């Protein structure tokens, strides 16, 4: 969560968002209790928005950059129709091990493939196309991810990128750290891309959605 949105508004939104349950709630609770940065996982609003996007678009093939403890992958896999797949990429072996445990404990484990390694190396080997791409990994690499993902995005696919606010660091006067500048470069590239339409939502820490512009 970001302090840019009032706590009262966040609490009100949470009260009117379907809570997590089952294996998804267990993974979320474990992350809250056992990690130093639980905010790295998809929060309830983000998880339910990703679910909604999958349901309304009929997405069947999902790519996630940044598995962390598996919460996002589990949320999206549960929303997929029969035969749908989530491919999730994670660099950190410890995070990957935790995510695998949470995925194995879920009834949708057979819909998720976790690939360990640097996404800049593993992503080019994936065939695609992907109907939804969820980006929540290394912020300095966001521009690289955009370059790698666009050729694999289906004609009606959508990209969803997290942390566009970076707790306010991207707002003028923006911080000059590499992560913030990576996010800003990503946002500028999306905004200026003639083949994309996009919207930045004030959900969580800022979600940017991008999709192919109609010809």
N, C-alpha and C. Protein backbone atom coordinates (compact mmCIF):
# COMPACT_ATOMS: atom_id res chain seq x y z
N UNK A 1 0.83 -1.19 0.00
CA UNK A 1 0.00 0.00 0.00
C UNK A 1 0.88 1.26 0.00
N UNK A 2 0.36 2.34 -0.53
CA UNK A 2 1.08 3.61 -0.53
C UNK A 2 0.35 4.63 0.30
N UNK A 3 1.10 5.53 0.93
CA UNK A 3 0.51 6.57 1.76
C UNK A 3 -0.15 7.66 0.92
N UNK A 4 -0.06 7.57 -0.41
CA UNK A 4 -0.67 8.57 -1.26
C UNK A 4 -2.19 8.53 -1.19
N UNK A 5 -2.73 7.36 -0.87
CA UNK A 5 -4.18 7.20 -0.71
C UNK A 5 -4.46 7.15 0.79
N UNK A 6 -5.51 7.85 1.23
CA UNK A 6 -5.79 7.92 2.66
C UNK A 6 -6.11 6.55 3.23
N UNK A 7 -5.75 6.35 4.47
CA UNK A 7 -6.03 5.08 5.14
C UNK A 7 -7.52 4.81 5.19
N UNK A 8 -8.32 5.86 5.35
CA UNK A 8 -9.77 5.68 5.39
C UNK A 8 -10.28 5.15 4.05
N UNK A 9 -9.75 5.68 2.95
CA UNK A 9 -10.17 5.21 1.62
C UNK A 9 -9.73 3.78 1.39
N UNK A 10 -8.51 3.45 1.81
CA UNK A 10 -8.02 2.07 1.65
C UNK A 10 -8.86 1.10 2.48
N UNK A 11 -9.20 1.49 3.69
CA UNK A 11 -10.02 0.63 4.54
C UNK A 11 -11.42 0.43 3.96
N UNK A 12 -11.98 1.49 3.41
CA UNK A 12 -13.31 1.41 2.79
C UNK A 12 -13.27 0.50 1.58
N UNK A 13 -12.21 0.66 0.76
CA UNK A 13 -12.07 -0.20 -0.42
C UNK A 13 -11.92 -1.66 -0.02
N UNK A 14 -11.13 -1.92 1.02
CA UNK A 14 -10.92 -3.29 1.49
C UNK A 14 -12.22 -3.91 1.98
N UNK A 15 -13.05 -3.10 2.61
CA UNK A 15 -14.31 -3.60 3.15
C UNK A 15 -15.27 -4.02 2.04
N UNK A 16 -15.09 -3.48 0.86
CA UNK A 16 -15.97 -3.79 -0.26
C UNK A 16 -15.23 -4.50 -1.39
N UNK A 17 -14.22 -5.28 -1.02
CA UNK A 17 -13.50 -6.14 -1.96
C UNK A 17 -13.57 -7.57 -1.43
N UNK A 18 -13.86 -8.53 -2.31
CA UNK A 18 -13.96 -9.93 -1.90
C UNK A 18 -12.65 -10.37 -1.24
N UNK A 19 -12.69 -10.86 0.00
CA UNK A 19 -11.46 -11.27 0.67
C UNK A 19 -10.87 -12.53 0.05
N UNK A 20 -9.59 -12.74 0.32
CA UNK A 20 -8.94 -13.96 -0.14
C UNK A 20 -9.39 -15.13 0.72
N UNK A 21 -9.33 -16.33 0.14
CA UNK A 21 -9.72 -17.50 0.92
C UNK A 21 -8.88 -18.71 0.50
N UNK A 22 -9.03 -19.81 1.22
CA UNK A 22 -8.37 -21.07 0.88
C UNK A 22 -6.86 -20.96 0.82
N UNK A 23 -6.28 -21.65 -0.17
CA UNK A 23 -4.83 -21.68 -0.32
C UNK A 23 -4.27 -20.29 -0.61
N UNK A 24 -5.05 -19.46 -1.27
CA UNK A 24 -4.62 -18.10 -1.58
C UNK A 24 -4.48 -17.29 -0.30
N UNK A 25 -5.46 -17.39 0.59
CA UNK A 25 -5.38 -16.69 1.88
C UNK A 25 -4.24 -17.23 2.72
N UNK A 26 -4.01 -18.54 2.68
CA UNK A 26 -2.91 -19.14 3.45
C UNK A 26 -1.56 -18.61 2.98
N UNK A 27 -1.39 -18.50 1.66
CA UNK A 27 -0.15 -17.97 1.11
C UNK A 27 0.04 -16.50 1.50
N UNK A 28 -1.05 -15.74 1.46
CA UNK A 28 -0.98 -14.33 1.82
C UNK A 28 -0.65 -14.17 3.31
N UNK A 29 -1.30 -14.95 4.16
CA UNK A 29 -1.05 -14.87 5.60
C UNK A 29 0.39 -15.25 5.92
N UNK A 30 0.91 -16.30 5.26
CA UNK A 30 2.29 -16.71 5.49
C UNK A 30 3.25 -15.59 5.10
N UNK A 31 2.97 -14.94 3.98
CA UNK A 31 3.83 -13.86 3.51
C UNK A 31 3.83 -12.69 4.49
N UNK A 32 2.67 -12.35 5.00
CA UNK A 32 2.57 -11.27 5.98
C UNK A 32 3.39 -11.59 7.24
N UNK A 33 3.37 -12.84 7.66
CA UNK A 33 4.00 -13.22 8.93
C UNK A 33 5.48 -13.54 8.82
N UNK A 34 5.94 -13.90 7.61
CA UNK A 34 7.28 -14.48 7.51
C UNK A 34 8.24 -13.77 6.57
N UNK A 35 7.84 -12.68 5.96
CA UNK A 35 8.75 -11.98 5.05
C UNK A 35 9.00 -10.56 5.54
N UNK A 36 10.15 -10.03 5.16
CA UNK A 36 10.51 -8.67 5.58
C UNK A 36 9.73 -7.62 4.80
N UNK A 37 9.33 -7.95 3.57
CA UNK A 37 8.64 -6.99 2.72
C UNK A 37 7.35 -7.60 2.17
N UNK A 38 6.34 -7.83 3.05
CA UNK A 38 5.10 -8.44 2.55
C UNK A 38 4.39 -7.61 1.50
N UNK A 39 4.70 -6.31 1.45
CA UNK A 39 4.09 -5.45 0.45
C UNK A 39 4.49 -5.80 -0.96
N UNK A 40 5.50 -6.68 -1.11
CA UNK A 40 5.92 -7.11 -2.45
C UNK A 40 4.90 -8.04 -3.10
N UNK A 41 4.03 -8.66 -2.31
CA UNK A 41 3.03 -9.54 -2.91
C UNK A 41 1.85 -8.73 -3.42
N UNK A 42 1.09 -9.32 -4.30
CA UNK A 42 -0.13 -8.67 -4.78
C UNK A 42 -1.11 -8.55 -3.61
N UNK A 43 -1.54 -7.33 -3.33
CA UNK A 43 -2.53 -7.14 -2.28
C UNK A 43 -3.91 -7.58 -2.74
N UNK A 44 -4.86 -7.53 -1.83
CA UNK A 44 -6.21 -7.98 -2.15
C UNK A 44 -6.81 -7.20 -3.33
N UNK A 45 -6.73 -5.86 -3.35
CA UNK A 45 -7.29 -5.14 -4.52
C UNK A 45 -6.63 -5.53 -5.83
N UNK A 46 -5.28 -5.66 -5.81
CA UNK A 46 -4.57 -6.05 -7.03
C UNK A 46 -4.96 -7.45 -7.48
N UNK A 47 -5.02 -8.38 -6.51
CA UNK A 47 -5.35 -9.76 -6.83
C UNK A 47 -6.75 -9.86 -7.45
N UNK A 48 -7.70 -9.16 -6.87
CA UNK A 48 -9.07 -9.22 -7.38
C UNK A 48 -9.21 -8.47 -8.71
N UNK A 49 -8.42 -7.42 -8.92
CA UNK A 49 -8.46 -6.74 -10.21
C UNK A 49 -7.89 -7.64 -11.30
N UNK A 50 -6.81 -8.34 -11.02
CA UNK A 50 -6.25 -9.28 -11.98
C UNK A 50 -7.27 -10.38 -12.31
N UNK A 51 -7.97 -10.85 -11.28
CA UNK A 51 -9.02 -11.85 -11.50
C UNK A 51 -10.09 -11.30 -12.43
N UNK A 52 -10.52 -10.06 -12.17
CA UNK A 52 -11.56 -9.45 -12.99
C UNK A 52 -11.12 -9.31 -14.43
N UNK A 53 -9.88 -8.90 -14.65
CA UNK A 53 -9.37 -8.74 -16.01
C UNK A 53 -9.37 -10.07 -16.76
N UNK A 54 -9.00 -11.13 -16.05
CA UNK A 54 -8.99 -12.46 -16.67
C UNK A 54 -10.40 -12.90 -17.01
N UNK A 55 -11.32 -12.70 -16.09
CA UNK A 55 -12.70 -13.13 -16.30
C UNK A 55 -13.35 -12.38 -17.47
N UNK A 56 -13.22 -11.06 -17.50
CA UNK A 56 -13.92 -10.28 -18.52
C UNK A 56 -13.26 -10.42 -19.89
N UNK A 57 -11.96 -10.69 -19.92
CA UNK A 57 -11.26 -10.81 -21.20
C UNK A 57 -11.27 -12.23 -21.75
N UNK A 58 -11.58 -13.19 -20.88
CA UNK A 58 -11.50 -14.58 -21.31
C UNK A 58 -10.07 -15.07 -21.48
N UNK A 59 -9.13 -14.43 -20.81
CA UNK A 59 -7.72 -14.80 -20.93
C UNK A 59 -7.49 -16.26 -20.57
N UNK A 60 -6.61 -16.91 -21.33
CA UNK A 60 -6.28 -18.30 -21.08
C UNK A 60 -4.79 -18.51 -20.82
N UNK A 61 -3.98 -17.56 -21.26
CA UNK A 61 -2.53 -17.68 -21.12
C UNK A 61 -1.99 -16.45 -20.41
N UNK A 62 -1.39 -16.65 -19.24
CA UNK A 62 -0.94 -15.55 -18.39
C UNK A 62 0.55 -15.67 -18.13
N UNK A 63 1.24 -14.55 -18.15
CA UNK A 63 2.66 -14.49 -17.81
C UNK A 63 2.83 -13.56 -16.62
N UNK A 64 3.58 -14.01 -15.62
CA UNK A 64 3.88 -13.20 -14.45
C UNK A 64 5.39 -13.03 -14.33
N UNK A 65 5.83 -11.80 -14.18
CA UNK A 65 7.24 -11.51 -13.95
C UNK A 65 7.41 -11.10 -12.49
N UNK A 66 7.98 -12.00 -11.70
CA UNK A 66 8.15 -11.76 -10.27
C UNK A 66 7.15 -12.57 -9.46
N UNK A 67 7.48 -13.83 -9.17
CA UNK A 67 6.57 -14.72 -8.45
C UNK A 67 6.44 -14.36 -6.98
N UNK A 68 7.56 -13.97 -6.36
CA UNK A 68 7.68 -13.75 -4.92
C UNK A 68 7.20 -15.01 -4.21
N UNK A 69 6.15 -14.95 -3.40
CA UNK A 69 5.72 -16.14 -2.65
C UNK A 69 4.55 -16.86 -3.29
N UNK A 70 4.14 -16.43 -4.48
CA UNK A 70 3.13 -17.17 -5.23
C UNK A 70 1.71 -16.65 -5.15
N UNK A 71 1.49 -15.57 -4.41
CA UNK A 71 0.12 -15.08 -4.22
C UNK A 71 -0.50 -14.64 -5.55
N UNK A 72 0.23 -13.85 -6.33
CA UNK A 72 -0.32 -13.39 -7.61
C UNK A 72 -0.62 -14.53 -8.56
N UNK A 73 0.31 -15.47 -8.65
CA UNK A 73 0.11 -16.62 -9.54
C UNK A 73 -1.12 -17.42 -9.14
N UNK A 74 -1.30 -17.63 -7.85
CA UNK A 74 -2.45 -18.39 -7.36
C UNK A 74 -3.76 -17.66 -7.66
N UNK A 75 -3.76 -16.34 -7.46
CA UNK A 75 -4.98 -15.57 -7.71
C UNK A 75 -5.37 -15.65 -9.18
N UNK A 76 -4.40 -15.51 -10.05
CA UNK A 76 -4.70 -15.52 -11.49
C UNK A 76 -5.06 -16.92 -11.97
N UNK A 77 -4.37 -17.94 -11.48
CA UNK A 77 -4.67 -19.31 -11.90
C UNK A 77 -6.09 -19.70 -11.52
N UNK A 78 -6.55 -19.26 -10.36
CA UNK A 78 -7.89 -19.61 -9.91
C UNK A 78 -8.97 -18.98 -10.79
N UNK A 79 -8.64 -17.88 -11.46
CA UNK A 79 -9.62 -17.19 -12.30
C UNK A 79 -9.66 -17.73 -13.72
N UNK A 80 -8.68 -18.53 -14.10
CA UNK A 80 -8.58 -19.01 -15.48
C UNK A 80 -9.64 -20.07 -15.79
N UNK A 81 -10.05 -20.13 -17.04
CA UNK A 81 -10.97 -21.21 -17.44
C UNK A 81 -10.21 -22.53 -17.54
N UNK A 82 -10.92 -23.61 -17.72
CA UNK A 82 -10.31 -24.93 -17.86
C UNK A 82 -9.31 -24.90 -19.01
N UNK A 83 -8.11 -25.42 -18.75
CA UNK A 83 -7.07 -25.43 -19.75
C UNK A 83 -6.18 -24.20 -19.75
N UNK A 84 -6.51 -23.20 -18.92
CA UNK A 84 -5.70 -21.99 -18.84
C UNK A 84 -4.40 -22.24 -18.09
N UNK A 85 -3.38 -21.41 -18.37
CA UNK A 85 -2.06 -21.60 -17.79
C UNK A 85 -1.47 -20.27 -17.33
N UNK A 86 -0.75 -20.33 -16.20
CA UNK A 86 0.07 -19.22 -15.73
C UNK A 86 1.52 -19.65 -15.79
N UNK A 87 2.35 -18.89 -16.48
CA UNK A 87 3.79 -19.08 -16.43
C UNK A 87 4.35 -17.95 -15.59
N UNK A 88 5.04 -18.28 -14.50
CA UNK A 88 5.55 -17.27 -13.59
C UNK A 88 7.06 -17.38 -13.47
N UNK A 89 7.75 -16.25 -13.53
CA UNK A 89 9.21 -16.20 -13.56
C UNK A 89 9.74 -15.58 -12.28
N UNK A 90 10.71 -16.26 -11.65
CA UNK A 90 11.28 -15.77 -10.39
C UNK A 90 12.78 -15.95 -10.38
N UNK A 91 13.49 -14.89 -10.02
CA UNK A 91 14.95 -14.91 -9.97
C UNK A 91 15.48 -15.51 -8.68
N UNK A 92 14.88 -15.15 -7.54
CA UNK A 92 15.40 -15.55 -6.24
C UNK A 92 15.04 -17.00 -5.92
N UNK A 93 16.04 -17.87 -5.68
CA UNK A 93 15.74 -19.29 -5.42
C UNK A 93 14.96 -19.52 -4.13
N UNK A 94 15.19 -18.68 -3.11
CA UNK A 94 14.44 -18.83 -1.86
C UNK A 94 12.96 -18.50 -2.07
N UNK A 95 12.70 -17.41 -2.78
CA UNK A 95 11.31 -17.07 -3.09
C UNK A 95 10.66 -18.17 -3.92
N UNK A 96 11.40 -18.70 -4.89
CA UNK A 96 10.86 -19.75 -5.75
C UNK A 96 10.48 -20.98 -4.93
N UNK A 97 11.33 -21.34 -3.95
CA UNK A 97 11.05 -22.52 -3.12
C UNK A 97 9.78 -22.31 -2.31
N UNK A 98 9.62 -21.11 -1.74
CA UNK A 98 8.40 -20.82 -0.98
C UNK A 98 7.18 -20.86 -1.88
N UNK A 99 7.29 -20.24 -3.04
CA UNK A 99 6.16 -20.21 -3.98
C UNK A 99 5.76 -21.62 -4.39
N UNK A 100 6.74 -22.47 -4.64
CA UNK A 100 6.43 -23.85 -5.03
C UNK A 100 5.63 -24.56 -3.94
N UNK A 101 5.95 -24.31 -2.68
CA UNK A 101 5.18 -24.93 -1.59
C UNK A 101 3.75 -24.43 -1.60
N UNK A 102 3.57 -23.14 -1.76
CA UNK A 102 2.22 -22.58 -1.77
C UNK A 102 1.43 -23.06 -2.99
N UNK A 103 2.09 -23.15 -4.12
CA UNK A 103 1.42 -23.62 -5.33
C UNK A 103 1.02 -25.09 -5.18
N UNK A 104 1.93 -25.90 -4.64
CA UNK A 104 1.64 -27.33 -4.47
C UNK A 104 0.46 -27.57 -3.54
N UNK A 105 0.22 -26.66 -2.61
CA UNK A 105 -0.88 -26.80 -1.65
C UNK A 105 -2.21 -26.31 -2.21
N UNK A 106 -2.20 -25.81 -3.44
CA UNK A 106 -3.40 -25.22 -4.02
C UNK A 106 -4.08 -26.20 -4.99
N UNK A 107 -5.41 -26.12 -5.10
CA UNK A 107 -6.12 -26.97 -6.06
C UNK A 107 -5.88 -26.57 -7.51
N UNK A 108 -5.22 -25.42 -7.74
CA UNK A 108 -4.96 -24.99 -9.12
C UNK A 108 -3.47 -25.14 -9.47
N UNK A 109 -2.76 -25.99 -8.72
CA UNK A 109 -1.32 -26.16 -8.94
C UNK A 109 -1.01 -26.60 -10.37
N UNK A 110 -1.91 -27.40 -10.97
CA UNK A 110 -1.63 -27.92 -12.32
C UNK A 110 -1.76 -26.85 -13.40
N UNK A 111 -2.20 -25.65 -13.04
CA UNK A 111 -2.33 -24.55 -14.01
C UNK A 111 -1.11 -23.63 -13.98
N UNK A 112 -0.15 -23.87 -13.09
CA UNK A 112 0.95 -22.94 -12.88
C UNK A 112 2.28 -23.60 -13.19
N UNK A 113 3.10 -22.93 -13.99
CA UNK A 113 4.47 -23.35 -14.25
C UNK A 113 5.42 -22.27 -13.75
N UNK A 114 6.27 -22.61 -12.79
CA UNK A 114 7.23 -21.66 -12.24
C UNK A 114 8.59 -21.92 -12.87
N UNK A 115 9.17 -20.87 -13.46
CA UNK A 115 10.49 -20.96 -14.08
C UNK A 115 11.45 -20.09 -13.29
N UNK A 116 12.52 -20.70 -12.78
CA UNK A 116 13.49 -19.97 -11.97
C UNK A 116 14.61 -19.43 -12.85
N UNK A 117 14.98 -18.17 -12.62
CA UNK A 117 16.06 -17.56 -13.38
C UNK A 117 15.76 -16.10 -13.69
N UNK A 118 16.71 -15.44 -14.33
CA UNK A 118 16.56 -14.04 -14.71
C UNK A 118 15.55 -13.93 -15.85
N UNK A 119 14.50 -13.15 -15.65
CA UNK A 119 13.44 -13.03 -16.67
C UNK A 119 13.98 -12.52 -17.99
N UNK A 120 15.05 -11.74 -17.97
CA UNK A 120 15.62 -11.23 -19.21
C UNK A 120 16.21 -12.35 -20.06
N UNK A 121 16.50 -13.48 -19.40
CA UNK A 121 17.04 -14.64 -20.11
C UNK A 121 15.98 -15.70 -20.37
N UNK A 122 15.07 -15.90 -19.41
CA UNK A 122 14.07 -16.96 -19.56
C UNK A 122 12.89 -16.53 -20.43
N UNK A 123 12.53 -15.25 -20.39
CA UNK A 123 11.36 -14.78 -21.13
C UNK A 123 11.51 -14.94 -22.64
N UNK A 124 12.66 -14.62 -23.23
CA UNK A 124 12.78 -14.77 -24.68
C UNK A 124 12.55 -16.19 -25.18
N UNK A 125 12.72 -17.18 -24.30
CA UNK A 125 12.55 -18.57 -24.71
C UNK A 125 11.09 -19.03 -24.65
N UNK A 126 10.22 -18.22 -24.11
CA UNK A 126 8.81 -18.60 -23.98
C UNK A 126 8.09 -18.35 -25.30
N UNK A 127 7.23 -19.26 -25.72
CA UNK A 127 6.59 -19.12 -27.03
C UNK A 127 5.50 -18.05 -27.09
N UNK A 128 4.73 -17.86 -25.99
CA UNK A 128 3.60 -16.96 -26.09
C UNK A 128 2.57 -17.54 -27.08
N UNK A 129 1.57 -16.77 -27.51
CA UNK A 129 1.29 -15.43 -27.01
C UNK A 129 0.61 -15.47 -25.63
N UNK A 130 0.65 -14.31 -24.94
CA UNK A 130 0.05 -14.21 -23.61
C UNK A 130 -1.10 -13.20 -23.65
N UNK A 131 -2.19 -13.59 -23.00
CA UNK A 131 -3.38 -12.73 -22.96
C UNK A 131 -3.31 -11.70 -21.84
N UNK A 132 -2.54 -11.99 -20.80
CA UNK A 132 -2.34 -11.04 -19.71
C UNK A 132 -0.93 -11.21 -19.20
N UNK A 133 -0.24 -10.08 -19.00
CA UNK A 133 1.12 -10.08 -18.46
C UNK A 133 1.13 -9.21 -17.21
N UNK A 134 1.54 -9.80 -16.10
CA UNK A 134 1.59 -9.10 -14.81
C UNK A 134 3.07 -8.87 -14.47
N UNK A 135 3.47 -7.59 -14.42
CA UNK A 135 4.86 -7.23 -14.17
C UNK A 135 5.00 -6.67 -12.76
N UNK A 136 5.76 -7.38 -11.94
CA UNK A 136 6.02 -6.93 -10.57
C UNK A 136 7.37 -7.49 -10.13
N UNK A 137 8.40 -7.12 -10.86
CA UNK A 137 9.74 -7.64 -10.61
C UNK A 137 10.71 -6.47 -10.44
N UNK A 138 11.98 -6.65 -10.87
CA UNK A 138 12.99 -5.62 -10.68
C UNK A 138 12.61 -4.35 -11.42
N UNK A 139 12.49 -3.25 -10.69
CA UNK A 139 12.00 -2.00 -11.29
C UNK A 139 12.99 -1.44 -12.31
N UNK A 140 14.28 -1.62 -12.09
CA UNK A 140 15.26 -1.12 -13.06
C UNK A 140 15.10 -1.79 -14.42
N UNK A 141 14.55 -2.99 -14.42
CA UNK A 141 14.41 -3.76 -15.67
C UNK A 141 13.06 -3.58 -16.34
N UNK A 142 12.17 -2.75 -15.79
CA UNK A 142 10.85 -2.58 -16.40
C UNK A 142 10.93 -2.22 -17.89
N UNK A 143 11.81 -1.32 -18.32
CA UNK A 143 11.88 -1.03 -19.76
C UNK A 143 12.27 -2.25 -20.59
N UNK A 144 13.20 -3.08 -20.05
CA UNK A 144 13.59 -4.31 -20.76
C UNK A 144 12.42 -5.27 -20.85
N UNK A 145 11.66 -5.38 -19.77
CA UNK A 145 10.50 -6.27 -19.78
C UNK A 145 9.51 -5.85 -20.87
N UNK A 146 9.30 -4.56 -21.00
CA UNK A 146 8.36 -4.08 -22.02
C UNK A 146 8.82 -4.53 -23.41
N UNK A 147 10.09 -4.35 -23.69
CA UNK A 147 10.63 -4.74 -25.01
C UNK A 147 10.46 -6.24 -25.25
N UNK A 148 10.62 -7.05 -24.20
CA UNK A 148 10.54 -8.49 -24.35
C UNK A 148 9.11 -9.01 -24.42
N UNK A 149 8.21 -8.31 -23.75
CA UNK A 149 6.83 -8.78 -23.64
C UNK A 149 6.00 -8.42 -24.87
N UNK A 150 6.19 -7.22 -25.40
CA UNK A 150 5.32 -6.75 -26.49
C UNK A 150 5.21 -7.72 -27.66
N UNK A 151 6.32 -8.34 -28.12
CA UNK A 151 6.18 -9.27 -29.24
C UNK A 151 5.39 -10.53 -28.89
N UNK A 152 5.23 -10.79 -27.60
CA UNK A 152 4.54 -12.01 -27.16
C UNK A 152 3.13 -11.72 -26.64
N UNK A 153 2.68 -10.49 -26.77
CA UNK A 153 1.35 -10.11 -26.30
C UNK A 153 0.33 -10.43 -27.37
N UNK A 154 -0.75 -11.11 -27.00
CA UNK A 154 -1.78 -11.46 -27.98
C UNK A 154 -2.48 -10.20 -28.46
N UNK A 155 -3.24 -10.33 -29.53
CA UNK A 155 -3.85 -9.16 -30.16
C UNK A 155 -4.78 -8.42 -29.21
N UNK A 156 -5.42 -9.14 -28.29
CA UNK A 156 -6.31 -8.52 -27.32
C UNK A 156 -5.73 -8.62 -25.91
N UNK A 157 -4.42 -8.81 -25.83
CA UNK A 157 -3.77 -8.96 -24.55
C UNK A 157 -3.61 -7.65 -23.79
N UNK A 158 -3.33 -7.77 -22.50
CA UNK A 158 -3.16 -6.59 -21.65
C UNK A 158 -1.95 -6.77 -20.75
N UNK A 159 -1.19 -5.71 -20.59
CA UNK A 159 -0.06 -5.68 -19.67
C UNK A 159 -0.49 -4.92 -18.42
N UNK A 160 -0.19 -5.46 -17.26
CA UNK A 160 -0.47 -4.79 -15.99
C UNK A 160 0.84 -4.70 -15.22
N UNK A 161 1.28 -3.47 -14.93
CA UNK A 161 2.54 -3.25 -14.23
C UNK A 161 2.29 -2.60 -12.88
N UNK A 162 2.95 -3.11 -11.84
CA UNK A 162 2.75 -2.63 -10.47
C UNK A 162 3.82 -1.61 -10.09
N UNK A 163 3.51 -0.86 -9.01
CA UNK A 163 4.46 0.06 -8.35
C UNK A 163 4.84 1.26 -9.21
N UNK A 164 3.89 1.79 -9.96
CA UNK A 164 4.18 2.98 -10.76
C UNK A 164 4.34 4.23 -9.90
N UNK A 165 3.86 4.19 -8.66
CA UNK A 165 4.04 5.33 -7.76
C UNK A 165 5.33 5.19 -6.92
N UNK A 166 5.71 3.95 -6.63
CA UNK A 166 6.86 3.70 -5.75
C UNK A 166 6.78 4.54 -4.48
N UNK A 167 5.63 4.45 -3.80
CA UNK A 167 5.39 5.20 -2.57
C UNK A 167 5.64 6.69 -2.74
N UNK A 168 5.36 7.21 -3.92
CA UNK A 168 5.49 8.63 -4.17
C UNK A 168 6.81 9.05 -4.80
N UNK A 169 7.76 8.11 -4.91
CA UNK A 169 9.09 8.46 -5.43
C UNK A 169 9.06 8.88 -6.89
N UNK A 170 8.06 8.44 -7.65
CA UNK A 170 7.98 8.80 -9.07
C UNK A 170 7.30 10.15 -9.29
N UNK A 171 6.64 10.67 -8.26
CA UNK A 171 5.94 11.94 -8.42
C UNK A 171 6.93 13.10 -8.39
N UNK A 172 6.66 14.18 -9.14
CA UNK A 172 7.59 15.32 -9.16
C UNK A 172 7.75 15.94 -7.77
N UNK A 173 8.98 16.27 -7.38
CA UNK A 173 10.24 15.99 -8.08
C UNK A 173 10.64 14.53 -7.84
N UNK A 174 10.78 13.75 -8.90
CA UNK A 174 11.02 12.32 -8.78
C UNK A 174 12.41 12.02 -8.21
N UNK A 175 12.50 10.91 -7.51
CA UNK A 175 13.79 10.44 -7.01
C UNK A 175 14.67 10.04 -8.19
N UNK A 176 15.99 10.16 -8.00
CA UNK A 176 16.90 9.80 -9.09
C UNK A 176 17.51 8.42 -8.92
N UNK A 177 16.96 7.59 -8.01
CA UNK A 177 17.50 6.24 -7.86
C UNK A 177 17.14 5.40 -9.08
N UNK A 178 17.92 4.35 -9.32
CA UNK A 178 17.78 3.56 -10.54
C UNK A 178 16.41 2.91 -10.67
N UNK A 179 15.87 2.41 -9.56
CA UNK A 179 14.57 1.74 -9.62
C UNK A 179 13.47 2.71 -10.04
N UNK A 180 13.47 3.89 -9.43
CA UNK A 180 12.45 4.88 -9.78
C UNK A 180 12.60 5.32 -11.23
N UNK A 181 13.84 5.55 -11.66
CA UNK A 181 14.06 5.96 -13.04
C UNK A 181 13.68 4.86 -14.03
N UNK A 182 13.86 3.59 -13.63
CA UNK A 182 13.43 2.48 -14.47
C UNK A 182 11.93 2.47 -14.67
N UNK A 183 11.20 2.70 -13.58
CA UNK A 183 9.74 2.74 -13.66
C UNK A 183 9.28 3.93 -14.52
N UNK A 184 9.92 5.09 -14.32
CA UNK A 184 9.54 6.27 -15.11
C UNK A 184 9.84 6.07 -16.59
N UNK A 185 10.97 5.45 -16.91
CA UNK A 185 11.30 5.18 -18.30
C UNK A 185 10.26 4.24 -18.91
N UNK A 186 9.88 3.21 -18.16
CA UNK A 186 8.84 2.28 -18.61
C UNK A 186 7.54 3.03 -18.89
N UNK A 187 7.13 3.89 -17.95
CA UNK A 187 5.88 4.63 -18.11
C UNK A 187 5.93 5.54 -19.33
N UNK A 188 7.06 6.21 -19.54
CA UNK A 188 7.20 7.09 -20.70
C UNK A 188 7.13 6.29 -22.00
N UNK A 189 7.79 5.14 -22.03
CA UNK A 189 7.78 4.33 -23.25
C UNK A 189 6.36 3.86 -23.59
N UNK A 190 5.63 3.45 -22.57
CA UNK A 190 4.25 3.03 -22.81
C UNK A 190 3.42 4.21 -23.30
N UNK A 191 3.54 5.35 -22.62
CA UNK A 191 2.76 6.54 -22.98
C UNK A 191 3.03 6.99 -24.41
N UNK A 192 4.27 6.88 -24.84
CA UNK A 192 4.66 7.38 -26.16
C UNK A 192 4.54 6.34 -27.27
N UNK A 193 4.21 5.11 -26.93
CA UNK A 193 4.13 4.03 -27.91
C UNK A 193 2.88 4.21 -28.77
N UNK A 194 3.06 4.37 -30.06
CA UNK A 194 1.92 4.63 -30.94
C UNK A 194 0.98 3.43 -31.05
N UNK A 195 1.48 2.24 -30.74
CA UNK A 195 0.65 1.06 -30.88
C UNK A 195 -0.08 0.65 -29.61
N UNK A 196 0.03 1.46 -28.55
CA UNK A 196 -0.58 1.10 -27.28
C UNK A 196 -1.53 2.19 -26.78
N UNK A 197 -2.55 1.76 -26.07
CA UNK A 197 -3.35 2.63 -25.23
C UNK A 197 -3.10 2.20 -23.79
N UNK A 198 -3.27 3.11 -22.86
CA UNK A 198 -2.92 2.79 -21.48
C UNK A 198 -3.69 3.66 -20.49
N UNK A 199 -3.70 3.20 -19.24
CA UNK A 199 -4.30 3.96 -18.16
C UNK A 199 -3.54 3.64 -16.88
N UNK A 200 -3.28 4.67 -16.08
CA UNK A 200 -2.62 4.49 -14.79
C UNK A 200 -3.67 4.61 -13.69
N UNK A 201 -3.85 3.54 -12.93
CA UNK A 201 -4.87 3.49 -11.89
C UNK A 201 -4.26 3.75 -10.52
N UNK A 202 -5.00 4.47 -9.68
CA UNK A 202 -4.56 4.72 -8.30
C UNK A 202 -5.01 3.57 -7.41
N UNK A 203 -4.59 2.37 -7.75
CA UNK A 203 -4.88 1.17 -6.97
C UNK A 203 -3.57 0.70 -6.37
N UNK A 204 -3.57 0.40 -5.06
CA UNK A 204 -2.35 -0.04 -4.42
C UNK A 204 -1.27 1.01 -4.56
N UNK A 205 -0.13 0.62 -5.12
CA UNK A 205 1.00 1.54 -5.32
C UNK A 205 1.07 2.01 -6.77
N UNK A 206 -0.07 2.00 -7.45
CA UNK A 206 -0.14 2.48 -8.83
C UNK A 206 -0.01 1.35 -9.83
N UNK A 207 -1.07 1.07 -10.57
CA UNK A 207 -1.08 0.03 -11.59
C UNK A 207 -1.24 0.67 -12.96
N UNK A 208 -0.32 0.36 -13.87
CA UNK A 208 -0.43 0.83 -15.24
C UNK A 208 -0.89 -0.31 -16.13
N UNK A 209 -2.01 -0.10 -16.84
CA UNK A 209 -2.55 -1.08 -17.77
C UNK A 209 -2.29 -0.60 -19.19
N UNK A 210 -1.82 -1.49 -20.04
CA UNK A 210 -1.56 -1.14 -21.44
C UNK A 210 -2.06 -2.25 -22.35
N UNK A 211 -2.61 -1.87 -23.50
CA UNK A 211 -3.14 -2.83 -24.46
C UNK A 211 -2.96 -2.27 -25.87
N UNK A 212 -3.06 -3.15 -26.85
CA UNK A 212 -2.86 -2.71 -28.23
C UNK A 212 -3.99 -1.77 -28.66
N UNK A 213 -3.60 -0.66 -29.28
CA UNK A 213 -4.58 0.28 -29.79
C UNK A 213 -5.31 -0.33 -30.98
N UNK A 214 -6.57 -0.04 -31.11
CA UNK A 214 -7.36 -0.54 -32.25
C UNK A 214 -6.87 0.14 -33.51
N UNK A 215 -6.74 -0.64 -34.59
CA UNK A 215 -6.27 -0.07 -35.86
C UNK A 215 -7.37 0.69 -36.57
